Amino acid sequence: LKQYQDEASATASEEASAPASGQTPA
């Protein structure tokens, strides 16, 4: 469970830091 939580938090932080393509305000 701890390993799964670590992987999920790493994936969430990567998604948050990567800019979403096509989702800029413009």
mmCIF file of all heavy atoms, coordinates in Angstrom:
data_MODEL
# 
_entry.id   MODEL 
# 
loop_
_atom_site.group_PDB 
_atom_site.id 
_atom_site.type_symbol 
_atom_site.label_atom_id 
_atom_site.label_alt_id 
_atom_site.label_comp_id 
_atom_site.label_asym_id 
_atom_site.label_entity_id 
_atom_site.label_seq_id 
_atom_site.pdbx_PDB_ins_code 
_atom_site.Cartn_x 
_atom_site.Cartn_y 
_atom_site.Cartn_z 
_atom_site.occupancy 
_atom_site.B_iso_or_equiv 
_atom_site.pdbx_formal_charge 
_atom_site.auth_seq_id 
_atom_site.auth_comp_id 
_atom_site.auth_asym_id 
_atom_site.auth_atom_id 
_atom_site.pdbx_PDB_model_num 
ATOM 1   N N   . LEU A 1 1  ? 0.837  -1.202 0.000   1.00 0.00 ? 1  LEU A N   1 
ATOM 2   C CA  . LEU A 1 1  ? 0.000  0.000  0.000   1.00 0.00 ? 1  LEU A CA  1 
ATOM 3   C C   . LEU A 1 1  ? 0.870  1.250  0.000   1.00 0.00 ? 1  LEU A C   1 
ATOM 4   O O   . LEU A 1 1  ? 0.603  2.191  -0.739  1.00 0.00 ? 1  LEU A O   1 
ATOM 5   C CB  . LEU A 1 1  ? -0.932 -0.002 1.211   1.00 0.00 ? 1  LEU A CB  1 
ATOM 6   C CG  . LEU A 1 1  ? -1.824 1.222  1.343   1.00 0.00 ? 1  LEU A CG  1 
ATOM 7   C CD1 . LEU A 1 1  ? -2.821 1.288  0.207   1.00 0.00 ? 1  LEU A CD1 1 
ATOM 8   C CD2 . LEU A 1 1  ? -2.541 1.211  2.677   1.00 0.00 ? 1  LEU A CD2 1 
ATOM 9   N N   . LYS A 1 2  ? 1.918  1.261  0.792   1.00 0.00 ? 2  LYS A N   1 
ATOM 10  C CA  . LYS A 1 2  ? 2.818  2.415  0.839   1.00 0.00 ? 2  LYS A CA  1 
ATOM 11  C C   . LYS A 1 2  ? 3.477  2.640  -0.514  1.00 0.00 ? 2  LYS A C   1 
ATOM 12  O O   . LYS A 1 2  ? 3.598  3.766  -0.976  1.00 0.00 ? 2  LYS A O   1 
ATOM 13  C CB  . LYS A 1 2  ? 3.881  2.217  1.915   1.00 0.00 ? 2  LYS A CB  1 
ATOM 14  C CG  . LYS A 1 2  ? 4.925  3.290  1.968   1.00 0.00 ? 2  LYS A CG  1 
ATOM 15  C CD  . LYS A 1 2  ? 5.029  3.870  3.341   1.00 0.00 ? 2  LYS A CD  1 
ATOM 16  C CE  . LYS A 1 2  ? 6.127  4.894  3.455   1.00 0.00 ? 2  LYS A CE  1 
ATOM 17  N NZ  . LYS A 1 2  ? 5.903  6.098  2.730   1.00 0.00 ? 2  LYS A NZ  1 
ATOM 18  N N   . GLN A 1 3  ? 3.900  1.556  -1.166  1.00 0.00 ? 3  GLN A N   1 
ATOM 19  C CA  . GLN A 1 3  ? 4.515  1.671  -2.485  1.00 0.00 ? 3  GLN A CA  1 
ATOM 20  C C   . GLN A 1 3  ? 3.515  2.247  -3.483  1.00 0.00 ? 3  GLN A C   1 
ATOM 21  O O   . GLN A 1 3  ? 3.862  3.121  -4.287  1.00 0.00 ? 3  GLN A O   1 
ATOM 22  C CB  . GLN A 1 3  ? 5.010  0.303  -2.959  1.00 0.00 ? 3  GLN A CB  1 
ATOM 23  C CG  . GLN A 1 3  ? 5.687  0.328  -4.305  1.00 0.00 ? 3  GLN A CG  1 
ATOM 24  C CD  . GLN A 1 3  ? 6.122  -1.058 -4.751  1.00 0.00 ? 3  GLN A CD  1 
ATOM 25  O OE1 . GLN A 1 3  ? 5.853  -2.043 -4.087  1.00 0.00 ? 3  GLN A OE1 1 
ATOM 26  N NE2 . GLN A 1 3  ? 6.782  -1.125 -5.882  1.00 0.00 ? 3  GLN A NE2 1 
ATOM 27  N N   . TYR A 1 4  ? 2.268  1.787  -3.454  1.00 0.00 ? 4  TYR A N   1 
ATOM 28  C CA  . TYR A 1 4  ? 1.234  2.311  -4.350  1.00 0.00 ? 4  TYR A CA  1 
ATOM 29  C C   . TYR A 1 4  ? 0.997  3.798  -4.081  1.00 0.00 ? 4  TYR A C   1 
ATOM 30  O O   . TYR A 1 4  ? 0.874  4.591  -5.015  1.00 0.00 ? 4  TYR A O   1 
ATOM 31  C CB  . TYR A 1 4  ? -0.065 1.531  -4.173  1.00 0.00 ? 4  TYR A CB  1 
ATOM 32  C CG  . TYR A 1 4  ? -1.210 2.143  -4.938  1.00 0.00 ? 4  TYR A CG  1 
ATOM 33  C CD1 . TYR A 1 4  ? -1.299 1.993  -6.311  1.00 0.00 ? 4  TYR A CD1 1 
ATOM 34  C CD2 . TYR A 1 4  ? -2.174 2.896  -4.283  1.00 0.00 ? 4  TYR A CD2 1 
ATOM 35  C CE1 . TYR A 1 4  ? -2.337 2.580  -7.019  1.00 0.00 ? 4  TYR A CE1 1 
ATOM 36  C CE2 . TYR A 1 4  ? -3.207 3.480  -4.977  1.00 0.00 ? 4  TYR A CE2 1 
ATOM 37  C CZ  . TYR A 1 4  ? -3.287 3.317  -6.339  1.00 0.00 ? 4  TYR A CZ  1 
ATOM 38  O OH  . TYR A 1 4  ? -4.307 3.891  -7.034  1.00 0.00 ? 4  TYR A OH  1 
ATOM 39  N N   . GLN A 1 5  ? 0.943  4.200  -2.826  1.00 0.00 ? 5  GLN A N   1 
ATOM 40  C CA  . GLN A 1 5  ? 0.733  5.604  -2.492  1.00 0.00 ? 5  GLN A CA  1 
ATOM 41  C C   . GLN A 1 5  ? 1.885  6.468  -2.990  1.00 0.00 ? 5  GLN A C   1 
ATOM 42  O O   . GLN A 1 5  ? 1.674  7.568  -3.493  1.00 0.00 ? 5  GLN A O   1 
ATOM 43  C CB  . GLN A 1 5  ? 0.561  5.774  -0.980  1.00 0.00 ? 5  GLN A CB  1 
ATOM 44  C CG  . GLN A 1 5  ? -0.742 5.245  -0.454  1.00 0.00 ? 5  GLN A CG  1 
ATOM 45  C CD  . GLN A 1 5  ? -0.811 5.276  1.070   1.00 0.00 ? 5  GLN A CD  1 
ATOM 46  O OE1 . GLN A 1 5  ? 0.209  5.207  1.744   1.00 0.00 ? 5  GLN A OE1 1 
ATOM 47  N NE2 . GLN A 1 5  ? -2.020 5.362  1.592   1.00 0.00 ? 5  GLN A NE2 1 
ATOM 48  N N   . ASP A 1 6  ? 3.121  5.964  -2.866  1.00 0.00 ? 6  ASP A N   1 
ATOM 49  C CA  . ASP A 1 6  ? 4.279  6.706  -3.351  1.00 0.00 ? 6  ASP A CA  1 
ATOM 50  C C   . ASP A 1 6  ? 4.222  6.885  -4.863  1.00 0.00 ? 6  ASP A C   1 
ATOM 51  O O   . ASP A 1 6  ? 4.499  7.963  -5.387  1.00 0.00 ? 6  ASP A O   1 
ATOM 52  C CB  . ASP A 1 6  ? 5.582  6.012  -2.948  1.00 0.00 ? 6  ASP A CB  1 
ATOM 53  C CG  . ASP A 1 6  ? 5.816  6.048  -1.449  1.00 0.00 ? 6  ASP A CG  1 
ATOM 54  O OD1 . ASP A 1 6  ? 5.180  6.887  -0.765  1.00 0.00 ? 6  ASP A OD1 1 
ATOM 55  O OD2 . ASP A 1 6  ? 6.621  5.226  -0.958  1.00 0.00 ? 6  ASP A OD2 1 
ATOM 56  N N   . GLU A 1 7  ? 3.863  5.809  -5.588  1.00 0.00 ? 7  GLU A N   1 
ATOM 57  C CA  . GLU A 1 7  ? 3.763  5.891  -7.045  1.00 0.00 ? 7  GLU A CA  1 
ATOM 58  C C   . GLU A 1 7  ? 2.653  6.856  -7.460  1.00 0.00 ? 7  GLU A C   1 
ATOM 59  O O   . GLU A 1 7  ? 2.819  7.636  -8.397  1.00 0.00 ? 7  GLU A O   1 
ATOM 60  C CB  . GLU A 1 7  ? 3.501  4.515  -7.634  1.00 0.00 ? 7  GLU A CB  1 
ATOM 61  C CG  . GLU A 1 7  ? 4.677  3.571  -7.551  1.00 0.00 ? 7  GLU A CG  1 
ATOM 62  C CD  . GLU A 1 7  ? 4.338  2.164  -7.990  1.00 0.00 ? 7  GLU A CD  1 
ATOM 63  O OE1 . GLU A 1 7  ? 3.181  1.925  -8.407  1.00 0.00 ? 7  GLU A OE1 1 
ATOM 64  O OE2 . GLU A 1 7  ? 5.224  1.299  -7.916  1.00 0.00 ? 7  GLU A OE2 1 
ATOM 65  N N   . ALA A 1 8  ? 1.522  6.810  -6.761  1.00 0.00 ? 8  ALA A N   1 
ATOM 66  C CA  . ALA A 1 8  ? 0.402  7.692  -7.099  1.00 0.00 ? 8  ALA A CA  1 
ATOM 67  C C   . ALA A 1 8  ? 0.755  9.150  -6.845  1.00 0.00 ? 8  ALA A C   1 
ATOM 68  O O   . ALA A 1 8  ? 0.417  10.030 -7.650  1.00 0.00 ? 8  ALA A O   1 
ATOM 69  C CB  . ALA A 1 8  ? -0.837 7.297  -6.295  1.00 0.00 ? 8  ALA A CB  1 
ATOM 70  N N   . SER A 1 9  ? 1.456  9.429  -5.751  1.00 0.00 ? 9  SER A N   1 
ATOM 71  C CA  . SER A 1 9  ? 1.832  10.818 -5.475  1.00 0.00 ? 9  SER A CA  1 
ATOM 72  C C   . SER A 1 9  ? 2.882  11.309 -6.464  1.00 0.00 ? 9  SER A C   1 
ATOM 73  O O   . SER A 1 9  ? 2.876  12.470 -6.868  1.00 0.00 ? 9  SER A O   1 
ATOM 74  C CB  . SER A 1 9  ? 2.331  10.969 -4.044  1.00 0.00 ? 9  SER A CB  1 
ATOM 75  O OG  . SER A 1 9  ? 3.522  10.237 -3.869  1.00 0.00 ? 9  SER A OG  1 
ATOM 76  N N   . ALA A 1 10 ? 3.794  10.427 -6.917  1.00 0.00 ? 10 ALA A N   1 
ATOM 77  C CA  . ALA A 1 10 ? 4.789  10.814 -7.918  1.00 0.00 ? 10 ALA A CA  1 
ATOM 78  C C   . ALA A 1 10 ? 4.117  11.112 -9.251  1.00 0.00 ? 10 ALA A C   1 
ATOM 79  O O   . ALA A 1 10 ? 4.445  12.095 -9.920  1.00 0.00 ? 10 ALA A O   1 
ATOM 80  C CB  . ALA A 1 10 ? 5.823  9.706  -8.082  1.00 0.00 ? 10 ALA A CB  1 
ATOM 81  N N   . THR A 1 11 ? 3.139  10.299 -9.639  1.00 0.00 ? 11 THR A N   1 
ATOM 82  C CA  . THR A 1 11 ? 2.410  10.527 -10.883 1.00 0.00 ? 11 THR A CA  1 
ATOM 83  C C   . THR A 1 11 ? 1.617  11.824 -10.819 1.00 0.00 ? 11 THR A C   1 
ATOM 84  O O   . THR A 1 11 ? 1.593  12.598 -11.771 1.00 0.00 ? 11 THR A O   1 
ATOM 85  C CB  . THR A 1 11 ? 1.461  9.347  -11.166 1.00 0.00 ? 11 THR A CB  1 
ATOM 86  O OG1 . THR A 1 11 ? 2.217  8.142  -11.183 1.00 0.00 ? 11 THR A OG1 1 
ATOM 87  C CG2 . THR A 1 11 ? 0.753  9.515  -12.484 1.00 0.00 ? 11 THR A CG2 1 
ATOM 88  N N   . ALA A 1 12 ? 0.992  12.083 -9.676  1.00 0.00 ? 12 ALA A N   1 
ATOM 89  C CA  . ALA A 1 12 ? 0.205  13.310 -9.525  1.00 0.00 ? 12 ALA A CA  1 
ATOM 90  C C   . ALA A 1 12 ? 1.093  14.539 -9.586  1.00 0.00 ? 12 ALA A C   1 
ATOM 91  O O   . ALA A 1 12 ? 0.726  15.560 -10.181 1.00 0.00 ? 12 ALA A O   1 
ATOM 92  C CB  . ALA A 1 12 ? -0.562 13.278 -8.219  1.00 0.00 ? 12 ALA A CB  1 
ATOM 93  N N   . SER A 1 13 ? 2.289  14.472 -9.004  1.00 0.00 ? 13 SER A N   1 
ATOM 94  C CA  . SER A 1 13 ? 3.183  15.628 -9.040  1.00 0.00 ? 13 SER A CA  1 
ATOM 95  C C   . SER A 1 13 ? 3.732  15.861 -10.446 1.00 0.00 ? 13 SER A C   1 
ATOM 96  O O   . SER A 1 13 ? 3.931  16.994 -10.855 1.00 0.00 ? 13 SER A O   1 
ATOM 97  C CB  . SER A 1 13 ? 4.320  15.459 -8.041  1.00 0.00 ? 13 SER A CB  1 
ATOM 98  O OG  . SER A 1 13 ? 5.143  14.374 -8.410  1.00 0.00 ? 13 SER A OG  1 
ATOM 99  N N   . GLU A 1 14 ? 3.965  14.773 -11.203 1.00 0.00 ? 14 GLU A N   1 
ATOM 100 C CA  . GLU A 1 14 ? 4.415  14.920 -12.590 1.00 0.00 ? 14 GLU A CA  1 
ATOM 101 C C   . GLU A 1 14 ? 3.337  15.556 -13.442 1.00 0.00 ? 14 GLU A C   1 
ATOM 102 O O   . GLU A 1 14 ? 3.610  16.413 -14.273 1.00 0.00 ? 14 GLU A O   1 
ATOM 103 C CB  . GLU A 1 14 ? 4.801  13.559 -13.174 1.00 0.00 ? 14 GLU A CB  1 
ATOM 104 C CG  . GLU A 1 14 ? 6.083  12.990 -12.634 1.00 0.00 ? 14 GLU A CG  1 
ATOM 105 C CD  . GLU A 1 14 ? 6.354  11.587 -13.143 1.00 0.00 ? 14 GLU A CD  1 
ATOM 106 O OE1 . GLU A 1 14 ? 5.604  11.119 -14.029 1.00 0.00 ? 14 GLU A OE1 1 
ATOM 107 O OE2 . GLU A 1 14 ? 7.296  10.956 -12.642 1.00 0.00 ? 14 GLU A OE2 1 
ATOM 108 N N   . GLU A 1 15 ? 2.074  15.140 -13.248 1.00 0.00 ? 15 GLU A N   1 
ATOM 109 C CA  . GLU A 1 15 ? 0.969  15.706 -14.026 1.00 0.00 ? 15 GLU A CA  1 
ATOM 110 C C   . GLU A 1 15 ? 0.752  17.169 -13.678 1.00 0.00 ? 15 GLU A C   1 
ATOM 111 O O   . GLU A 1 15 ? 0.403  17.973 -14.533 1.00 0.00 ? 15 GLU A O   1 
ATOM 112 C CB  . GLU A 1 15 ? -0.307 14.909 -13.782 1.00 0.00 ? 15 GLU A CB  1 
ATOM 113 C CG  . GLU A 1 15 ? -0.282 13.523 -14.398 1.00 0.00 ? 15 GLU A CG  1 
ATOM 114 C CD  . GLU A 1 15 ? -1.514 12.717 -14.062 1.00 0.00 ? 15 GLU A CD  1 
ATOM 115 O OE1 . GLU A 1 15 ? -2.379 13.225 -13.303 1.00 0.00 ? 15 GLU A OE1 1 
ATOM 116 O OE2 . GLU A 1 15 ? -1.621 11.585 -14.538 1.00 0.00 ? 15 GLU A OE2 1 
ATOM 117 N N   . ALA A 1 16 ? 0.954  17.522 -12.431 1.00 0.00 ? 16 ALA A N   1 
ATOM 118 C CA  . ALA A 1 16 ? 0.751  18.908 -12.014 1.00 0.00 ? 16 ALA A CA  1 
ATOM 119 C C   . ALA A 1 16 ? 1.849  19.809 -12.553 1.00 0.00 ? 16 ALA A C   1 
ATOM 120 O O   . ALA A 1 16 ? 1.603  20.975 -12.876 1.00 0.00 ? 16 ALA A O   1 
ATOM 121 C CB  . ALA A 1 16 ? 0.717  18.997 -10.492 1.00 0.00 ? 16 ALA A CB  1 
ATOM 122 N N   . SER A 1 17 ? 3.076  19.289 -12.681 1.00 0.00 ? 17 SER A N   1 
ATOM 123 C CA  . SER A 1 17 ? 4.179  20.123 -13.153 1.00 0.00 ? 17 SER A CA  1 
ATOM 124 C C   . SER A 1 17 ? 4.215  20.232 -14.669 1.00 0.00 ? 17 SER A C   1 
ATOM 125 O O   . SER A 1 17 ? 4.715  21.212 -15.200 1.00 0.00 ? 17 SER A O   1 
ATOM 126 C CB  . SER A 1 17 ? 5.510  19.569 -12.638 1.00 0.00 ? 17 SER A CB  1 
ATOM 127 O OG  . SER A 1 17 ? 5.746  18.288 -13.192 1.00 0.00 ? 17 SER A OG  1 
ATOM 128 N N   . ALA A 1 18 ? 3.686  19.240 -15.379 1.00 0.00 ? 18 ALA A N   1 
ATOM 129 C CA  . ALA A 1 18 ? 3.699  19.283 -16.840 1.00 0.00 ? 18 ALA A CA  1 
ATOM 130 C C   . ALA A 1 18 ? 2.587  20.203 -17.342 1.00 0.00 ? 18 ALA A C   1 
ATOM 131 O O   . ALA A 1 18 ? 1.447  20.116 -16.901 1.00 0.00 ? 18 ALA A O   1 
ATOM 132 C CB  . ALA A 1 18 ? 3.498  17.881 -17.408 1.00 0.00 ? 18 ALA A CB  1 
ATOM 133 N N   . PRO A 1 19 ? 2.897  21.101 -18.289 1.00 0.00 ? 19 PRO A N   1 
ATOM 134 C CA  . PRO A 1 19 ? 1.854  21.974 -18.816 1.00 0.00 ? 19 PRO A CA  1 
ATOM 135 C C   . PRO A 1 19 ? 0.886  21.176 -19.678 1.00 0.00 ? 19 PRO A C   1 
ATOM 136 O O   . PRO A 1 19 ? 1.281  20.308 -20.444 1.00 0.00 ? 19 PRO A O   1 
ATOM 137 C CB  . PRO A 1 19 ? 2.624  23.003 -19.652 1.00 0.00 ? 19 PRO A CB  1 
ATOM 138 C CG  . PRO A 1 19 ? 3.901  22.320 -20.011 1.00 0.00 ? 19 PRO A CG  1 
ATOM 139 C CD  . PRO A 1 19 ? 4.193  21.364 -18.888 1.00 0.00 ? 19 PRO A CD  1 
ATOM 140 N N   . ALA A 1 20 ? -0.385 21.470 -19.526 1.00 0.00 ? 20 ALA A N   1 
ATOM 141 C CA  . ALA A 1 20 ? -1.412 20.781 -20.300 1.00 0.00 ? 20 ALA A CA  1 
ATOM 142 C C   . ALA A 1 20 ? -1.448 21.378 -21.697 1.00 0.00 ? 20 ALA A C   1 
ATOM 143 O O   . ALA A 1 20 ? -1.569 22.581 -21.872 1.00 0.00 ? 20 ALA A O   1 
ATOM 144 C CB  . ALA A 1 20 ? -2.771 20.918 -19.624 1.00 0.00 ? 20 ALA A CB  1 
ATOM 145 N N   . SER A 1 21 ? -1.311 20.532 -22.710 1.00 0.00 ? 21 SER A N   1 
ATOM 146 C CA  . SER A 1 21 ? -1.305 21.030 -24.084 1.00 0.00 ? 21 SER A CA  1 
ATOM 147 C C   . SER A 1 21 ? -2.714 21.432 -24.491 1.00 0.00 ? 21 SER A C   1 
ATOM 148 O O   . SER A 1 21 ? -3.679 20.725 -24.244 1.00 0.00 ? 21 SER A O   1 
ATOM 149 C CB  . SER A 1 21 ? -0.772 19.951 -25.026 1.00 0.00 ? 21 SER A CB  1 
ATOM 150 O OG  . SER A 1 21 ? -1.597 18.810 -24.950 1.00 0.00 ? 21 SER A OG  1 
ATOM 151 N N   . GLY A 1 22 ? -2.828 22.596 -25.101 1.00 0.00 ? 22 GLY A N   1 
ATOM 152 C CA  . GLY A 1 22 ? -4.131 23.074 -25.564 1.00 0.00 ? 22 GLY A CA  1 
ATOM 153 C C   . GLY A 1 22 ? -5.005 23.616 -24.465 1.00 0.00 ? 22 GLY A C   1 
ATOM 154 O O   . GLY A 1 22 ? -6.181 23.835 -24.678 1.00 0.00 ? 22 GLY A O   1 
ATOM 155 N N   . GLN A 1 23 ? -4.476 23.829 -23.279 1.00 0.00 ? 23 GLN A N   1 
ATOM 156 C CA  . GLN A 1 23 ? -5.286 24.291 -22.168 1.00 0.00 ? 23 GLN A CA  1 
ATOM 157 C C   . GLN A 1 23 ? -4.817 25.630 -21.619 1.00 0.00 ? 23 GLN A C   1 
ATOM 158 O O   . GLN A 1 23 ? -5.070 25.942 -20.476 1.00 0.00 ? 23 GLN A O   1 
ATOM 159 C CB  . GLN A 1 23 ? -5.282 23.243 -21.049 1.00 0.00 ? 23 GLN A CB  1 
ATOM 160 C CG  . GLN A 1 23 ? -5.977 21.960 -21.413 1.00 0.00 ? 23 GLN A CG  1 
ATOM 161 C CD  . GLN A 1 23 ? -7.442 22.167 -21.739 1.00 0.00 ? 23 GLN A CD  1 
ATOM 162 O OE1 . GLN A 1 23 ? -8.136 22.911 -21.055 1.00 0.00 ? 23 GLN A OE1 1 
ATOM 163 N NE2 . GLN A 1 23 ? -7.921 21.535 -22.784 1.00 0.00 ? 23 GLN A NE2 1 
ATOM 164 N N   . THR A 1 24 ? -4.122 26.408 -22.427 1.00 0.00 ? 24 THR A N   1 
ATOM 165 C CA  . THR A 1 24 ? -3.739 27.738 -21.978 1.00 0.00 ? 24 THR A CA  1 
ATOM 166 C C   . THR A 1 24 ? -4.964 28.639 -22.035 1.00 0.00 ? 24 THR A C   1 
ATOM 167 O O   . THR A 1 24 ? -5.924 28.351 -22.765 1.00 0.00 ? 24 THR A O   1 
ATOM 168 C CB  . THR A 1 24 ? -2.617 28.312 -22.865 1.00 0.00 ? 24 THR A CB  1 
ATOM 169 O OG1 . THR A 1 24 ? -3.128 28.466 -24.192 1.00 0.00 ? 24 THR A OG1 1 
ATOM 170 C CG2 . THR A 1 24 ? -1.397 27.413 -22.862 1.00 0.00 ? 24 THR A CG2 1 
ATOM 171 N N   . PRO A 1 25 ? -4.985 29.720 -21.303 1.00 0.00 ? 25 PRO A N   1 
ATOM 172 C CA  . PRO A 1 25 ? -6.131 30.617 -21.352 1.00 0.00 ? 25 PRO A CA  1 
ATOM 173 C C   . PRO A 1 25 ? -6.421 31.138 -22.764 1.00 0.00 ? 25 PRO A C   1 
ATOM 174 O O   . PRO A 1 25 ? -7.583 31.310 -23.150 1.00 0.00 ? 25 PRO A O   1 
ATOM 175 C CB  . PRO A 1 25 ? -5.735 31.756 -20.412 1.00 0.00 ? 25 PRO A CB  1 
ATOM 176 C CG  . PRO A 1 25 ? -4.783 31.123 -19.446 1.00 0.00 ? 25 PRO A CG  1 
ATOM 177 C CD  . PRO A 1 25 ? -4.047 30.105 -20.243 1.00 0.00 ? 25 PRO A CD  1 
ATOM 178 N N   . ALA A 1 26 ? -5.376 31.351 -23.558 1.00 0.00 ? 26 ALA A N   1 
ATOM 179 C CA  . ALA A 1 26 ? -5.590 31.822 -24.929 1.00 0.00 ? 26 ALA A CA  1 
ATOM 180 C C   . ALA A 1 26 ? -6.302 30.759 -25.762 1.00 0.00 ? 26 ALA A C   1 
ATOM 181 O O   . ALA A 1 26 ? -7.215 31.083 -26.555 1.00 0.00 ? 26 ALA A O   1 
ATOM 182 C CB  . ALA A 1 26 ? -4.256 32.191 -25.569 1.00 0.00 ? 26 ALA A CB  1 
# 
